[in-house]
Amino acid sequence: MNKKRRILIVLAVIIAILIAATTYAYTNYFGPKTVLQVNPDKDNCRQGNVLDGVDRQARFTVLSTCEKVIGVVHDMKGTKEDDGDYQFDLSVDKPYDKLLNEQNNKQVNGMLVIEITPKDQNSNLVQIPKNGDRIQAYGAWVTDNPHGWNEIHPAWKLKIL
């Protein structure tokens, strides 16, 4: 095999690897994802795509299209993240600790991450909490795959108790 042919084969393999990596990154991290609501509770559960308004939707695995959680707010900075979300941690009441996984325990001090997207920040169904507030929230229960922890993201209904 001559040198020119070997170079072309190597280049073809490199291009194939780049295409595969780009496709993987798009479908598993950057791309959109549609997960339709299956819970008939129209008062508390967003109908349609539960990830509507979420940045980089493909990075999430939806565990439940609508979950309720009650707990106490921690680590609320009161400023928005780069994607425009308010993010904070929630020390969940005992019945809701089933929403946590091992990574919540390891990385987030045993708390559940909650994110309120810009779509919901001005909704009359969402009160933006402060540290120490006891809240009740509804939203999609997801695993944030890059981090491994579980979240309510987006939280589309949030009430300070």
C-alpha atoms as a PDB file:
ATOM      1  CA  MET A   1       0.000   0.000   0.000  1.00  0.00           C
ATOM      2  CA  ASN A   2       1.461   3.311  -0.971  1.00  0.00           C
ATOM      3  CA  LYS A   3       1.891   6.228   1.403  1.00  0.00           C
ATOM      4  CA  LYS A   4      -0.844   8.374  -0.222  1.00  0.00           C
ATOM      5  CA  ARG A   5      -3.452   5.617   0.166  1.00  0.00           C
ATOM      6  CA  ARG A   6      -2.513   5.085   3.835  1.00  0.00           C
ATOM      7  CA  ILE A   7      -2.918   8.802   4.528  1.00  0.00           C
ATOM      8  CA  LEU A   8      -6.368   8.801   2.881  1.00  0.00           C
ATOM      9  CA  ILE A   9      -7.458   5.804   4.971  1.00  0.00           C
ATOM     10  CA  VAL A  10      -6.240   7.458   8.180  1.00  0.00           C
ATOM     11  CA  LEU A  11      -8.040  10.688   7.262  1.00  0.00           C
ATOM     12  CA  ALA A  12     -11.250   8.778   6.483  1.00  0.00           C
ATOM     13  CA  VAL A  13     -11.084   7.038   9.873  1.00  0.00           C
ATOM     14  CA  ILE A  14     -10.460  10.350  11.675  1.00  0.00           C
ATOM     15  CA  ILE A  15     -13.405  11.974   9.881  1.00  0.00           C
ATOM     16  CA  ALA A  16     -15.662   9.021  10.732  1.00  0.00           C
ATOM     17  CA  ILE A  17     -14.666   9.267  14.409  1.00  0.00           C
ATOM     18  CA  LEU A  18     -15.333  13.034  14.445  1.00  0.00           C
ATOM     19  CA  ILE A  19     -18.751  12.551  12.844  1.00  0.00           C
ATOM     20  CA  ALA A  20     -19.649   9.840  15.364  1.00  0.00           C
ATOM     21  CA  ALA A  21     -18.463  11.968  18.308  1.00  0.00           C
ATOM     22  CA  THR A  22     -20.387  15.011  17.079  1.00  0.00           C
ATOM     23  CA  THR A  23     -23.554  12.977  16.577  1.00  0.00           C
ATOM     24  CA  TYR A  24     -23.200  11.428  20.031  1.00  0.00           C
ATOM     25  CA  ALA A  25     -22.644  14.824  21.694  1.00  0.00           C
ATOM     26  CA  TYR A  26     -25.655  16.347  19.954  1.00  0.00           C
ATOM     27  CA  THR A  27     -28.064  13.511  20.702  1.00  0.00           C
ATOM     28  CA  ASN A  28     -26.879  12.970  24.277  1.00  0.00           C
ATOM     29  CA  TYR A  29     -26.087  16.471  25.491  1.00  0.00           C
ATOM     30  CA  PHE A  30     -26.858  19.438  23.253  1.00  0.00           C
ATOM     31  CA  GLY A  31     -29.895  18.393  21.247  1.00  0.00           C
ATOM     32  CA  PRO A  32     -33.597  18.768  21.903  1.00  0.00           C
ATOM     33  CA  LYS A  33     -35.685  16.038  23.484  1.00  0.00           C
ATOM     34  CA  THR A  34     -39.433  15.629  23.622  1.00  0.00           C
ATOM     35  CA  VAL A  35     -41.000  13.781  26.550  1.00  0.00           C
ATOM     36  CA  LEU A  36     -44.766  14.091  26.654  1.00  0.00           C
ATOM     37  CA  GLN A  37     -46.722  14.286  29.900  1.00  0.00           C
ATOM     38  CA  VAL A  38     -48.346  11.014  30.932  1.00  0.00           C
ATOM     39  CA  ASN A  39     -49.826  12.170  34.249  1.00  0.00           C
ATOM     40  CA  PRO A  40     -53.485  13.272  33.883  1.00  0.00           C
ATOM     41  CA  ASP A  41     -53.263  15.739  36.829  1.00  0.00           C
ATOM     42  CA  LYS A  42     -53.760  18.928  34.790  1.00  0.00           C
ATOM     43  CA  ASP A  43     -53.766  21.156  37.908  1.00  0.00           C
ATOM     44  CA  ASN A  44     -50.184  20.286  38.861  1.00  0.00           C
ATOM     45  CA  CYS A  45     -48.589  18.676  35.801  1.00  0.00           C
ATOM     46  CA  ARG A  46     -47.451  20.547  32.695  1.00  0.00           C
ATOM     47  CA  GLN A  47     -49.107  19.160  29.607  1.00  0.00           C
ATOM     48  CA  GLY A  48     -47.152  18.594  26.393  1.00  0.00           C
ATOM     49  CA  ASN A  49     -43.348  18.335  26.395  1.00  0.00           C
ATOM     50  CA  VAL A  50     -42.259  18.401  30.049  1.00  0.00           C
ATOM     51  CA  LEU A  51     -38.763  19.552  29.039  1.00  0.00           C
ATOM     52  CA  ASP A  52     -40.061  22.604  27.197  1.00  0.00           C
ATOM     53  CA  GLY A  53     -37.866  25.558  28.184  1.00  0.00           C
ATOM     54  CA  VAL A  54     -34.979  23.386  29.441  1.00  0.00           C
ATOM     55  CA  ASP A  55     -31.514  24.088  28.013  1.00  0.00           C
ATOM     56  CA  ARG A  56     -29.626  21.113  26.486  1.00  0.00           C
ATOM     57  CA  GLN A  57     -32.581  18.754  26.963  1.00  0.00           C
ATOM     58  CA  ALA A  58     -30.811  15.640  25.691  1.00  0.00           C
ATOM     59  CA  ARG A  59     -28.567  15.491  28.769  1.00  0.00           C
ATOM     60  CA  PHE A  60     -31.517  14.461  30.956  1.00  0.00           C
ATOM     61  CA  THR A  61     -33.161  11.123  31.539  1.00  0.00           C
ATOM     62  CA  VAL A  62     -36.782  11.676  32.558  1.00  0.00           C
ATOM     63  CA  LEU A  63     -37.653   9.424  35.515  1.00  0.00           C
ATOM     64  CA  SER A  64     -41.182  10.809  35.935  1.00  0.00           C
ATOM     65  CA  THR A  65     -43.062  13.401  33.920  1.00  0.00           C
ATOM     66  CA  CYS A  66     -44.590  14.931  37.063  1.00  0.00           C
ATOM     67  CA  GLU A  67     -43.431  14.699  40.675  1.00  0.00           C
ATOM     68  CA  LYS A  68     -44.242  16.586  43.847  1.00  0.00           C
ATOM     69  CA  VAL A  69     -41.615  17.356  46.479  1.00  0.00           C
ATOM     70  CA  ILE A  70     -41.645  19.223  49.796  1.00  0.00           C
ATOM     71  CA  GLY A  71     -38.578  20.425  51.645  1.00  0.00           C
ATOM     72  CA  VAL A  72     -36.360  23.309  52.776  1.00  0.00           C
ATOM     73  CA  VAL A  73     -34.367  25.492  50.350  1.00  0.00           C
ATOM     74  CA  HIS A  74     -30.550  25.637  50.570  1.00  0.00           C
ATOM     75  CA  ASP A  75     -27.839  27.149  48.368  1.00  0.00           C
ATOM     76  CA  MET A  76     -30.186  29.579  46.589  1.00  0.00           C
ATOM     77  CA  LYS A  77     -27.851  32.307  45.337  1.00  0.00           C
ATOM     78  CA  GLY A  78     -30.689  34.493  44.088  1.00  0.00           C
ATOM     79  CA  THR A  79     -28.853  34.920  40.789  1.00  0.00           C
ATOM     80  CA  LYS A  80     -29.444  33.041  37.580  1.00  0.00           C
ATOM     81  CA  GLU A  81     -27.113  30.405  36.162  1.00  0.00           C
ATOM     82  CA  ASP A  82     -25.533  30.864  32.709  1.00  0.00           C
ATOM     83  CA  ASP A  83     -28.578  29.204  31.103  1.00  0.00           C
ATOM     84  CA  GLY A  84     -30.954  31.619  32.882  1.00  0.00           C
ATOM     85  CA  ASP A  85     -32.223  29.078  35.426  1.00  0.00           C
ATOM     86  CA  TYR A  86     -32.555  29.642  39.153  1.00  0.00           C
ATOM     87  CA  GLN A  87     -30.891  26.624  40.756  1.00  0.00           C
ATOM     88  CA  PHE A  88     -30.936  25.578  44.396  1.00  0.00           C
ATOM     89  CA  ASP A  89     -30.799  22.483  46.556  1.00  0.00           C
ATOM     90  CA  LEU A  90     -33.685  21.117  48.571  1.00  0.00           C
ATOM     91  CA  SER A  91     -33.424  19.199  51.814  1.00  0.00           C
ATOM     92  CA  VAL A  92     -36.413  16.955  51.146  1.00  0.00           C
ATOM     93  CA  ASP A  93     -38.969  15.842  53.725  1.00  0.00           C
ATOM     94  CA  LYS A  94     -38.756  12.135  54.577  1.00  0.00           C
ATOM     95  CA  PRO A  95     -41.412  10.803  52.171  1.00  0.00           C
ATOM     96  CA  TYR A  96     -39.555  12.400  49.237  1.00  0.00           C
ATOM     97  CA  ASP A  97     -36.089  10.986  49.875  1.00  0.00           C
ATOM     98  CA  LYS A  98     -36.981   8.329  47.284  1.00  0.00           C
ATOM     99  CA  LEU A  99     -36.262  11.058  44.701  1.00  0.00           C
ATOM    100  CA  LEU A 100     -32.545  11.066  45.638  1.00  0.00           C
ATOM    101  CA  ASN A 101     -29.836   8.791  44.295  1.00  0.00           C
ATOM    102  CA  GLU A 102     -26.270   8.022  45.349  1.00  0.00           C
ATOM    103  CA  GLN A 103     -24.872  11.020  43.440  1.00  0.00           C
ATOM    104  CA  ASN A 104     -27.265  13.364  45.271  1.00  0.00           C
ATOM    105  CA  ASN A 105     -25.797  11.986  48.491  1.00  0.00           C
ATOM    106  CA  LYS A 106     -22.182  12.257  47.295  1.00  0.00           C
ATOM    107  CA  GLN A 107     -22.202  15.545  45.391  1.00  0.00           C
ATOM    108  CA  VAL A 108     -25.127  17.585  46.760  1.00  0.00           C
ATOM    109  CA  ASN A 109     -25.031  16.696  50.473  1.00  0.00           C
ATOM    110  CA  GLY A 110     -28.072  14.417  50.208  1.00  0.00           C
ATOM    111  CA  MET A 111     -30.259  17.116  48.697  1.00  0.00           C
ATOM    112  CA  LEU A 112     -32.345  17.332  45.529  1.00  0.00           C
ATOM    113  CA  VAL A 113     -31.385  19.895  42.886  1.00  0.00           C
ATOM    114  CA  ILE A 114     -34.280  22.128  41.756  1.00  0.00           C
ATOM    115  CA  GLU A 115     -34.144  24.330  38.657  1.00  0.00           C
ATOM    116  CA  ILE A 116     -36.646  26.970  37.580  1.00  0.00           C
ATOM    117  CA  THR A 117     -36.257  27.817  33.894  1.00  0.00           C
ATOM    118  CA  PRO A 118     -36.815  31.315  32.467  1.00  0.00           C
ATOM    119  CA  LYS A 119     -40.087  30.055  30.936  1.00  0.00           C
ATOM    120  CA  ASP A 120     -41.546  29.586  34.428  1.00  0.00           C
ATOM    121  CA  GLN A 121     -39.883  32.399  36.396  1.00  0.00           C
ATOM    122  CA  ASN A 122     -42.656  34.904  35.748  1.00  0.00           C
ATOM    123  CA  SER A 123     -45.504  32.419  36.063  1.00  0.00           C
ATOM    124  CA  ASN A 124     -48.119  33.051  38.743  1.00  0.00           C
ATOM    125  CA  LEU A 125     -47.646  29.354  39.631  1.00  0.00           C
ATOM    126  CA  VAL A 126     -44.007  29.871  40.685  1.00  0.00           C
ATOM    127  CA  GLN A 127     -42.798  31.740  43.751  1.00  0.00           C
ATOM    128  CA  ILE A 128     -39.014  32.221  43.725  1.00  0.00           C
ATOM    129  CA  PRO A 129     -37.834  31.006  47.149  1.00  0.00           C
ATOM    130  CA  LYS A 130     -35.050  32.102  49.471  1.00  0.00           C
ATOM    131  CA  ASN A 131     -32.751  30.020  51.656  1.00  0.00           C
ATOM    132  CA  GLY A 132     -34.638  28.553  54.593  1.00  0.00           C
ATOM    133  CA  ASP A 133     -38.048  28.652  52.884  1.00  0.00           C
ATOM    134  CA  ARG A 134     -40.114  25.474  53.114  1.00  0.00           C
ATOM    135  CA  ILE A 135     -41.595  24.838  49.694  1.00  0.00           C
ATOM    136  CA  GLN A 136     -43.787  22.507  47.713  1.00  0.00           C
ATOM    137  CA  ALA A 137     -42.754  22.046  44.076  1.00  0.00           C
ATOM    138  CA  TYR A 138     -44.002  20.139  41.051  1.00  0.00           C
ATOM    139  CA  GLY A 139     -41.964  19.372  37.970  1.00  0.00           C
ATOM    140  CA  ALA A 140     -40.248  16.738  35.877  1.00  0.00           C
ATOM    141  CA  TRP A 141     -38.078  14.354  37.908  1.00  0.00           C
ATOM    142  CA  VAL A 142     -34.910  13.793  35.915  1.00  0.00           C
ATOM    143  CA  THR A 143     -31.360  12.531  36.164  1.00  0.00           C
ATOM    144  CA  ASP A 144     -28.795  15.093  35.001  1.00  0.00           C
ATOM    145  CA  ASN A 145     -26.594  12.589  33.183  1.00  0.00           C
ATOM    146  CA  PRO A 146     -23.325  14.590  33.138  1.00  0.00           C
ATOM    147  CA  HIS A 147     -23.526  15.010  36.945  1.00  0.00           C
ATOM    148  CA  GLY A 148     -25.396  11.806  37.738  1.00  0.00           C
ATOM    149  CA  TRP A 149     -27.698  13.350  40.332  1.00  0.00           C
ATOM    150  CA  ASN A 150     -31.482  13.639  40.279  1.00  0.00           C
ATOM    151  CA  GLU A 151     -33.330  16.942  39.935  1.00  0.00           C
ATOM    152  CA  ILE A 152     -36.730  18.495  39.566  1.00  0.00           C
ATOM    153  CA  HIS A 153     -36.074  20.268  36.280  1.00  0.00           C
ATOM    154  CA  PRO A 154     -38.021  22.204  35.274  1.00  0.00           C
ATOM    155  CA  ALA A 155     -40.031  23.094  38.360  1.00  0.00           C
ATOM    156  CA  TRP A 156     -43.205  24.581  36.873  1.00  0.00           C
ATOM    157  CA  LYS A 157     -45.201  24.982  40.079  1.00  0.00           C
ATOM    158  CA  LEU A 158     -43.574  26.170  43.290  1.00  0.00           C
ATOM    159  CA  LYS A 159     -45.273  27.453  46.426  1.00  0.00           C
ATOM    160  CA  ILE A 160     -43.632  28.754  49.607  1.00  0.00           C
ATOM    161  CA  LEU A 161     -45.366  27.050  52.541  1.00  0.00           C
END
